[in-house]
Amino acid sequence: MKARFLLLLILLLPLFIHAATGCDLNDPDADVKRLFPQSTGYKTTYMSLTKTGGAEALKRVERTLGDKFSGTYETIDVPYSIYIVHKGKDIIGYVHGVNQKGQYGGLQVFLALDNNGVIKDFYFQKLSSKDAKLFKDKKFTAQFKGLSLADFSTYDLATGKGNTKMNSIKNPSKDPKGDFAAIMRAVKKNLALMQEFVYKH
C-alpha cells in the first residue's frame, strides 16, 4: 500500500510543481525569438520573493503595485520564470510573465523588457475574456511599448488614473473596468516584480 502511494506521489509531483509555479512560456524557443528577433539565445532563471527578501520583498512589491497580493499565484514562495535574452555574450533584455485573475477567468501577461525595464513588446499567452479579440489587437498592445515602471508608478489601480501616458491608454472594451483593470494590474505587477528581481541590483 505504501509503495503504491509513493508511486502515485512521484507521478503526480510534476503536476503539483507546475501548479505552484508562475508563468512559463509554452514555446520559449519560438516566443523569445519572436519577441527579440535579434537574439541568439536565452537562459531561464527562477526567482521568488522568498529568495529576494521574504516578507520585506513582498512588502516592497505590494507598495510598488499599490495593492495586496492574494490567491494561489501571488504567494510569497511562487517561483517566477525569467528568460534572460542574449545576443552573443551580451544581455539584451528579459521576458517575464505573470498570472492574473480576470473577470471571466485567468490571464497570462508576458512583457519583453529591455535592460532599462522599458516595455519592448506585450504578449497574452492566455486571455479568458469576452473581449479577447479586442485586447489582443496590436492597436491595444502597442500602447504599452515604451512604458516602464516609472510610468506605471503613477497609475492608481483603484481609480484607473495616472500620468498623461497612462491616461492615454485606451480601453477597447465597452466595460469601463472588467478585464481592462485586470490587464493593467497584471502589467504593473509584472513590472513591480521585475524591479525586485532584476532592476534593483
C-alpha atoms as a PDB file:
ATOM      1  CA  MET A   1       0.000   0.000   0.000  1.00  0.00           C
ATOM      2  CA  LYS A   2       2.815   2.391   0.933  1.00  0.00           C
ATOM      3  CA  ALA A   3       4.686   1.553  -2.276  1.00  0.00           C
ATOM      4  CA  ARG A   4       1.570   2.278  -4.339  1.00  0.00           C
ATOM      5  CA  PHE A   5       1.077   5.611  -2.557  1.00  0.00           C
ATOM      6  CA  LEU A   6       4.720   6.594  -3.143  1.00  0.00           C
ATOM      7  CA  LEU A   7       4.452   5.711  -6.835  1.00  0.00           C
ATOM      8  CA  LEU A   8       1.315   7.835  -7.146  1.00  0.00           C
ATOM      9  CA  LEU A   9       3.048  10.721  -5.369  1.00  0.00           C
ATOM     10  CA  ILE A  10       6.033  10.513  -7.725  1.00  0.00           C
ATOM     11  CA  LEU A  11       3.740  10.520 -10.759  1.00  0.00           C
ATOM     12  CA  LEU A  12       1.721  13.499  -9.509  1.00  0.00           C
ATOM     13  CA  LEU A  13       4.684  15.552  -8.251  1.00  0.00           C
ATOM     14  CA  PRO A  14       5.306  17.294 -11.602  1.00  0.00           C
ATOM     15  CA  LEU A  15       1.658  18.383 -11.642  1.00  0.00           C
ATOM     16  CA  PHE A  16       1.946  19.825  -8.128  1.00  0.00           C
ATOM     17  CA  ILE A  17       5.151  21.652  -9.038  1.00  0.00           C
ATOM     18  CA  HIS A  18       3.603  23.034 -12.223  1.00  0.00           C
ATOM     19  CA  ALA A  19       0.511  24.192 -10.341  1.00  0.00           C
ATOM     20  CA  ALA A  20       2.618  26.125  -7.856  1.00  0.00           C
ATOM     21  CA  THR A  21       4.802  27.897 -10.395  1.00  0.00           C
ATOM     22  CA  GLY A  22       4.331  31.242 -12.054  1.00  0.00           C
ATOM     23  CA  CYS A  23       4.109  31.797 -15.803  1.00  0.00           C
ATOM     24  CA  ASP A  24       6.216  29.732 -18.187  1.00  0.00           C
ATOM     25  CA  LEU A  25       6.300  30.337 -21.920  1.00  0.00           C
ATOM     26  CA  ASN A  26       4.606  27.488 -23.792  1.00  0.00           C
ATOM     27  CA  ASP A  27       7.244  27.552 -26.546  1.00  0.00           C
ATOM     28  CA  PRO A  28      10.194  29.577 -25.212  1.00  0.00           C
ATOM     29  CA  ASP A  29      12.466  28.994 -28.220  1.00  0.00           C
ATOM     30  CA  ALA A  30       9.918  30.421 -30.658  1.00  0.00           C
ATOM     31  CA  ASP A  31       8.473  33.024 -28.280  1.00  0.00           C
ATOM     32  CA  VAL A  32      11.815  34.567 -27.279  1.00  0.00           C
ATOM     33  CA  LYS A  33      12.894  34.733 -30.927  1.00  0.00           C
ATOM     34  CA  ARG A  34       9.613  36.415 -31.863  1.00  0.00           C
ATOM     35  CA  LEU A  35       9.862  38.955 -29.051  1.00  0.00           C
ATOM     36  CA  PHE A  36      13.602  39.544 -29.601  1.00  0.00           C
ATOM     37  CA  PRO A  37      14.304  38.792 -33.299  1.00  0.00           C
ATOM     38  CA  GLN A  38      17.968  39.785 -32.883  1.00  0.00           C
ATOM     39  CA  SER A  39      18.562  37.320 -30.043  1.00  0.00           C
ATOM     40  CA  THR A  40      20.997  34.427 -30.356  1.00  0.00           C
ATOM     41  CA  GLY A  41      19.845  32.570 -27.247  1.00  0.00           C
ATOM     42  CA  TYR A  42      18.420  32.815 -23.762  1.00  0.00           C
ATOM     43  CA  LYS A  43      18.820  31.448 -20.263  1.00  0.00           C
ATOM     44  CA  THR A  44      15.957  30.688 -17.895  1.00  0.00           C
ATOM     45  CA  THR A  45      16.276  31.541 -14.229  1.00  0.00           C
ATOM     46  CA  TYR A  46      13.755  31.204 -11.413  1.00  0.00           C
ATOM     47  CA  MET A  47      13.150  33.833  -8.755  1.00  0.00           C
ATOM     48  CA  SER A  48      10.745  34.167  -5.863  1.00  0.00           C
ATOM     49  CA  LEU A  49      10.010  36.782  -3.234  1.00  0.00           C
ATOM     50  CA  THR A  50      11.233  34.295  -0.645  1.00  0.00           C
ATOM     51  CA  LYS A  51      14.664  34.345  -2.321  1.00  0.00           C
ATOM     52  CA  THR A  52      14.921  38.130  -2.595  1.00  0.00           C
ATOM     53  CA  GLY A  53      13.935  39.065   0.930  1.00  0.00           C
ATOM     54  CA  GLY A  54      10.846  37.218   2.095  1.00  0.00           C
ATOM     55  CA  ALA A  55       8.204  39.321   3.843  1.00  0.00           C
ATOM     56  CA  GLU A  56      10.141  42.540   3.225  1.00  0.00           C
ATOM     57  CA  ALA A  57      10.367  41.776  -0.509  1.00  0.00           C
ATOM     58  CA  LEU A  58       6.631  41.148  -0.600  1.00  0.00           C
ATOM     59  CA  LYS A  59       6.006  44.480   1.115  1.00  0.00           C
ATOM     60  CA  ARG A  60       8.211  46.278  -1.426  1.00  0.00           C
ATOM     61  CA  VAL A  61       6.347  44.772  -4.365  1.00  0.00           C
ATOM     62  CA  GLU A  62       2.933  45.440  -2.824  1.00  0.00           C
ATOM     63  CA  ARG A  63       3.967  49.035  -2.123  1.00  0.00           C
ATOM     64  CA  THR A  64       5.071  49.469  -5.743  1.00  0.00           C
ATOM     65  CA  LEU A  65       1.917  47.779  -7.025  1.00  0.00           C
ATOM     66  CA  GLY A  66      -0.367  49.743  -4.729  1.00  0.00           C
ATOM     67  CA  ASP A  67      -2.308  46.615  -3.829  1.00  0.00           C
ATOM     68  CA  LYS A  68      -2.051  43.484  -1.694  1.00  0.00           C
ATOM     69  CA  PHE A  69      -1.059  40.100  -3.107  1.00  0.00           C
ATOM     70  CA  SER A  70      -3.631  37.321  -2.680  1.00  0.00           C
ATOM     71  CA  GLY A  71      -4.562  33.975  -4.185  1.00  0.00           C
ATOM     72  CA  THR A  72      -2.643  30.928  -5.416  1.00  0.00           C
ATOM     73  CA  TYR A  73      -0.379  32.777  -7.843  1.00  0.00           C
ATOM     74  CA  GLU A  74       0.538  35.622  -5.504  1.00  0.00           C
ATOM     75  CA  THR A  75       2.028  33.756  -2.575  1.00  0.00           C
ATOM     76  CA  ILE A  76       5.471  34.684  -1.303  1.00  0.00           C
ATOM     77  CA  ASP A  77       7.069  31.428  -2.474  1.00  0.00           C
ATOM     78  CA  VAL A  78       5.748  31.271  -6.062  1.00  0.00           C
ATOM     79  CA  PRO A  79       8.740  30.810  -8.420  1.00  0.00           C
ATOM     80  CA  TYR A  80       8.698  33.170 -11.407  1.00  0.00           C
ATOM     81  CA  SER A  81      10.394  32.214 -14.681  1.00  0.00           C
ATOM     82  CA  ILE A  82      12.646  34.933 -16.089  1.00  0.00           C
ATOM     83  CA  TYR A  83      14.058  34.493 -19.576  1.00  0.00           C
ATOM     84  CA  ILE A  84      17.375  36.334 -19.881  1.00  0.00           C
ATOM     85  CA  VAL A  85      17.851  37.114 -23.562  1.00  0.00           C
ATOM     86  CA  HIS A  86      21.299  37.225 -25.170  1.00  0.00           C
ATOM     87  CA  LYS A  87      22.842  38.488 -28.369  1.00  0.00           C
ATOM     88  CA  GLY A  88      26.210  36.801 -28.392  1.00  0.00           C
ATOM     89  CA  LYS A  89      27.645  37.334 -24.910  1.00  0.00           C
ATOM     90  CA  ASP A  90      25.559  40.441 -24.205  1.00  0.00           C
ATOM     91  CA  ILE A  91      22.245  40.538 -22.340  1.00  0.00           C
ATOM     92  CA  ILE A  92      19.772  42.498 -24.465  1.00  0.00           C
ATOM     93  CA  GLY A  93      16.624  42.082 -22.403  1.00  0.00           C
ATOM     94  CA  TYR A  94      14.231  39.906 -20.468  1.00  0.00           C
ATOM     95  CA  VAL A  95      10.913  38.132 -20.908  1.00  0.00           C
ATOM     96  CA  HIS A  96       8.705  37.666 -17.870  1.00  0.00           C
ATOM     97  CA  GLY A  97       5.082  36.705 -17.367  1.00  0.00           C
ATOM     98  CA  VAL A  98       2.525  36.781 -14.571  1.00  0.00           C
ATOM     99  CA  ASN A  99      -0.812  35.135 -13.856  1.00  0.00           C
ATOM    100  CA  GLN A 100      -3.703  37.421 -13.078  1.00  0.00           C
ATOM    101  CA  LYS A 101      -7.331  36.777 -12.205  1.00  0.00           C
ATOM    102  CA  GLY A 102      -9.605  38.399 -14.761  1.00  0.00           C
ATOM    103  CA  GLN A 103     -13.347  38.957 -14.931  1.00  0.00           C
ATOM    104  CA  TYR A 104     -14.004  35.779 -16.891  1.00  0.00           C
ATOM    105  CA  GLY A 105     -11.001  33.642 -15.962  1.00  0.00           C
ATOM    106  CA  GLY A 106      -7.239  33.684 -15.821  1.00  0.00           C
ATOM    107  CA  LEU A 107      -4.858  35.927 -17.742  1.00  0.00           C
ATOM    108  CA  GLN A 108      -1.191  35.304 -18.542  1.00  0.00           C
ATOM    109  CA  VAL A 109       0.567  38.536 -19.441  1.00  0.00           C
ATOM    110  CA  PHE A 110       4.151  38.488 -20.726  1.00  0.00           C
ATOM    111  CA  LEU A 111       6.367  41.526 -21.170  1.00  0.00           C
ATOM    112  CA  ALA A 112       9.517  41.804 -23.255  1.00  0.00           C
ATOM    113  CA  LEU A 113      11.712  44.340 -21.462  1.00  0.00           C
ATOM    114  CA  ASP A 114      14.994  45.991 -22.386  1.00  0.00           C
ATOM    115  CA  ASN A 115      17.915  46.360 -19.984  1.00  0.00           C
ATOM    116  CA  ASN A 116      16.378  49.521 -18.518  1.00  0.00           C
ATOM    117  CA  GLY A 117      12.994  47.949 -17.815  1.00  0.00           C
ATOM    118  CA  VAL A 118      11.228  49.595 -20.752  1.00  0.00           C
ATOM    119  CA  ILE A 119       8.496  47.545 -22.421  1.00  0.00           C
ATOM    120  CA  LYS A 120       9.500  46.441 -25.927  1.00  0.00           C
ATOM    121  CA  ASP A 121       6.546  44.135 -26.503  1.00  0.00           C
ATOM    122  CA  PHE A 122       3.398  42.861 -24.830  1.00  0.00           C
ATOM    123  CA  TYR A 123       2.025  39.338 -25.201  1.00  0.00           C
ATOM    124  CA  PHE A 124      -1.042  37.494 -23.916  1.00  0.00           C
ATOM    125  CA  GLN A 125      -0.317  33.793 -23.603  1.00  0.00           C
ATOM    126  CA  LYS A 126      -3.741  33.238 -22.066  1.00  0.00           C
ATOM    127  CA  LEU A 127      -6.730  35.543 -22.036  1.00  0.00           C
ATOM    128  CA  SER A 128     -10.160  34.375 -20.904  1.00  0.00           C
ATOM    129  CA  SER A 129     -12.318  37.335 -21.833  1.00  0.00           C
ATOM    130  CA  LYS A 130     -15.368  38.069 -23.959  1.00  0.00           C
ATOM    131  CA  ASP A 131     -13.305  40.923 -25.416  1.00  0.00           C
ATOM    132  CA  ALA A 132     -10.148  38.841 -26.003  1.00  0.00           C
ATOM    133  CA  LYS A 133     -10.012  39.759 -29.702  1.00  0.00           C
ATOM    134  CA  LEU A 134     -10.017  43.483 -28.865  1.00  0.00           C
ATOM    135  CA  PHE A 135      -7.348  43.172 -26.179  1.00  0.00           C
ATOM    136  CA  LYS A 136      -5.068  41.026 -28.370  1.00  0.00           C
ATOM    137  CA  ASP A 137      -5.267  43.519 -31.221  1.00  0.00           C
ATOM    138  CA  LYS A 138      -1.981  45.338 -31.858  1.00  0.00           C
ATOM    139  CA  LYS A 139      -3.832  48.638 -31.586  1.00  0.00           C
ATOM    140  CA  PHE A 140      -4.221  47.857 -27.884  1.00  0.00           C
ATOM    141  CA  THR A 141      -0.956  46.064 -27.062  1.00  0.00           C
ATOM    142  CA  ALA A 142       1.174  48.640 -28.918  1.00  0.00           C
ATOM    143  CA  GLN A 143       0.062  51.289 -26.416  1.00  0.00           C
ATOM    144  CA  PHE A 144       2.319  49.705 -23.785  1.00  0.00           C
ATOM    145  CA  LYS A 145       5.528  49.876 -25.816  1.00  0.00           C
ATOM    146  CA  GLY A 146       7.977  52.407 -24.418  1.00  0.00           C
ATOM    147  CA  LEU A 147       6.368  52.460 -20.957  1.00  0.00           C
ATOM    148  CA  SER A 148       8.219  51.496 -17.774  1.00  0.00           C
ATOM    149  CA  LEU A 149       7.647  51.180 -14.053  1.00  0.00           C
ATOM    150  CA  ALA A 150       8.239  54.937 -13.754  1.00  0.00           C
ATOM    151  CA  ASP A 151       5.069  55.472 -15.789  1.00  0.00           C
ATOM    152  CA  PHE A 152       3.070  52.746 -14.060  1.00  0.00           C
ATOM    153  CA  SER A 153       4.101  54.029 -10.616  1.00  0.00           C
ATOM    154  CA  THR A 154       1.777  56.971 -11.285  1.00  0.00           C
ATOM    155  CA  TYR A 155      -1.119  54.630 -12.120  1.00  0.00           C
ATOM    156  CA  ASP A 156      -3.616  54.088  -9.309  1.00  0.00           C
ATOM    157  CA  LEU A 157      -5.299  50.689  -9.616  1.00  0.00           C
ATOM    158  CA  ALA A 158      -8.366  51.853  -7.703  1.00  0.00           C
ATOM    159  CA  THR A 159      -9.082  54.968  -9.787  1.00  0.00           C
ATOM    160  CA  GLY A 160      -7.552  53.861 -13.085  1.00  0.00           C
ATOM    161  CA  LYS A 161      -5.734  57.185 -13.387  1.00  0.00           C
ATOM    162  CA  GLY A 162      -2.073  58.058 -13.820  1.00  0.00           C
ATOM    163  CA  ASN A 163       0.209  60.380 -15.728  1.00  0.00           C
ATOM    164  CA  THR A 164      -0.512  61.592 -19.271  1.00  0.00           C
ATOM    165  CA  LYS A 165       0.995  58.464 -20.848  1.00  0.00           C
ATOM    166  CA  MET A 166      -1.065  56.153 -18.663  1.00  0.00           C
ATOM    167  CA  ASN A 167      -4.286  58.099 -19.175  1.00  0.00           C
ATOM    168  CA  SER A 168      -3.825  57.876 -22.934  1.00  0.00           C
ATOM    169  CA  ILE A 169      -4.115  54.055 -22.921  1.00  0.00           C
ATOM    170  CA  LYS A 170      -7.491  53.342 -24.474  1.00  0.00           C
ATOM    171  CA  ASN A 171      -9.726  50.560 -23.208  1.00  0.00           C
ATOM    172  CA  PRO A 172     -11.103  48.818 -26.329  1.00  0.00           C
ATOM    173  CA  SER A 173     -13.895  47.206 -24.320  1.00  0.00           C
ATOM    174  CA  LYS A 174     -17.222  48.849 -23.510  1.00  0.00           C
ATOM    175  CA  ASP A 175     -16.765  47.667 -19.921  1.00  0.00           C
ATOM    176  CA  PRO A 176     -15.095  50.570 -18.062  1.00  0.00           C
ATOM    177  CA  LYS A 177     -13.275  48.225 -15.684  1.00  0.00           C
ATOM    178  CA  GLY A 178     -13.592  44.447 -16.064  1.00  0.00           C
ATOM    179  CA  ASP A 179     -10.697  42.770 -17.818  1.00  0.00           C
ATOM    180  CA  PHE A 180      -9.057  46.083 -18.701  1.00  0.00           C
ATOM    181  CA  ALA A 181      -8.467  46.713 -14.996  1.00  0.00           C
ATOM    182  CA  ALA A 182      -7.107  43.166 -14.590  1.00  0.00           C
ATOM    183  CA  ILE A 183      -4.721  43.661 -17.522  1.00  0.00           C
ATOM    184  CA  MET A 184      -3.444  46.960 -16.132  1.00  0.00           C
ATOM    185  CA  ARG A 185      -2.860  45.326 -12.743  1.00  0.00           C
ATOM    186  CA  ALA A 186      -1.043  42.419 -14.409  1.00  0.00           C
ATOM    187  CA  VAL A 187       1.314  44.740 -16.300  1.00  0.00           C
ATOM    188  CA  LYS A 188       2.049  46.822 -13.203  1.00  0.00           C
ATOM    189  CA  LYS A 189       2.570  43.650 -11.135  1.00  0.00           C
ATOM    190  CA  ASN A 190       4.915  42.288 -13.791  1.00  0.00           C
ATOM    191  CA  LEU A 191       6.992  45.487 -13.719  1.00  0.00           C
ATOM    192  CA  ALA A 192       6.994  45.608  -9.906  1.00  0.00           C
ATOM    193  CA  LEU A 193       8.263  42.025  -9.684  1.00  0.00           C
ATOM    194  CA  MET A 194      10.958  42.646 -12.291  1.00  0.00           C
ATOM    195  CA  GLN A 195      12.101  45.679 -10.343  1.00  0.00           C
ATOM    196  CA  GLU A 196      12.538  43.407  -7.328  1.00  0.00           C
ATOM    197  CA  PHE A 197      14.111  40.503  -9.216  1.00  0.00           C
ATOM    198  CA  VAL A 198      16.337  42.250 -11.766  1.00  0.00           C
ATOM    199  CA  TYR A 199      16.485  46.022 -11.951  1.00  0.00           C
ATOM    200  CA  LYS A 200      17.110  46.950  -8.326  1.00  0.00           C
ATOM    201  CA  HIS A 201      20.520  45.190  -8.400  1.00  0.00           C
END
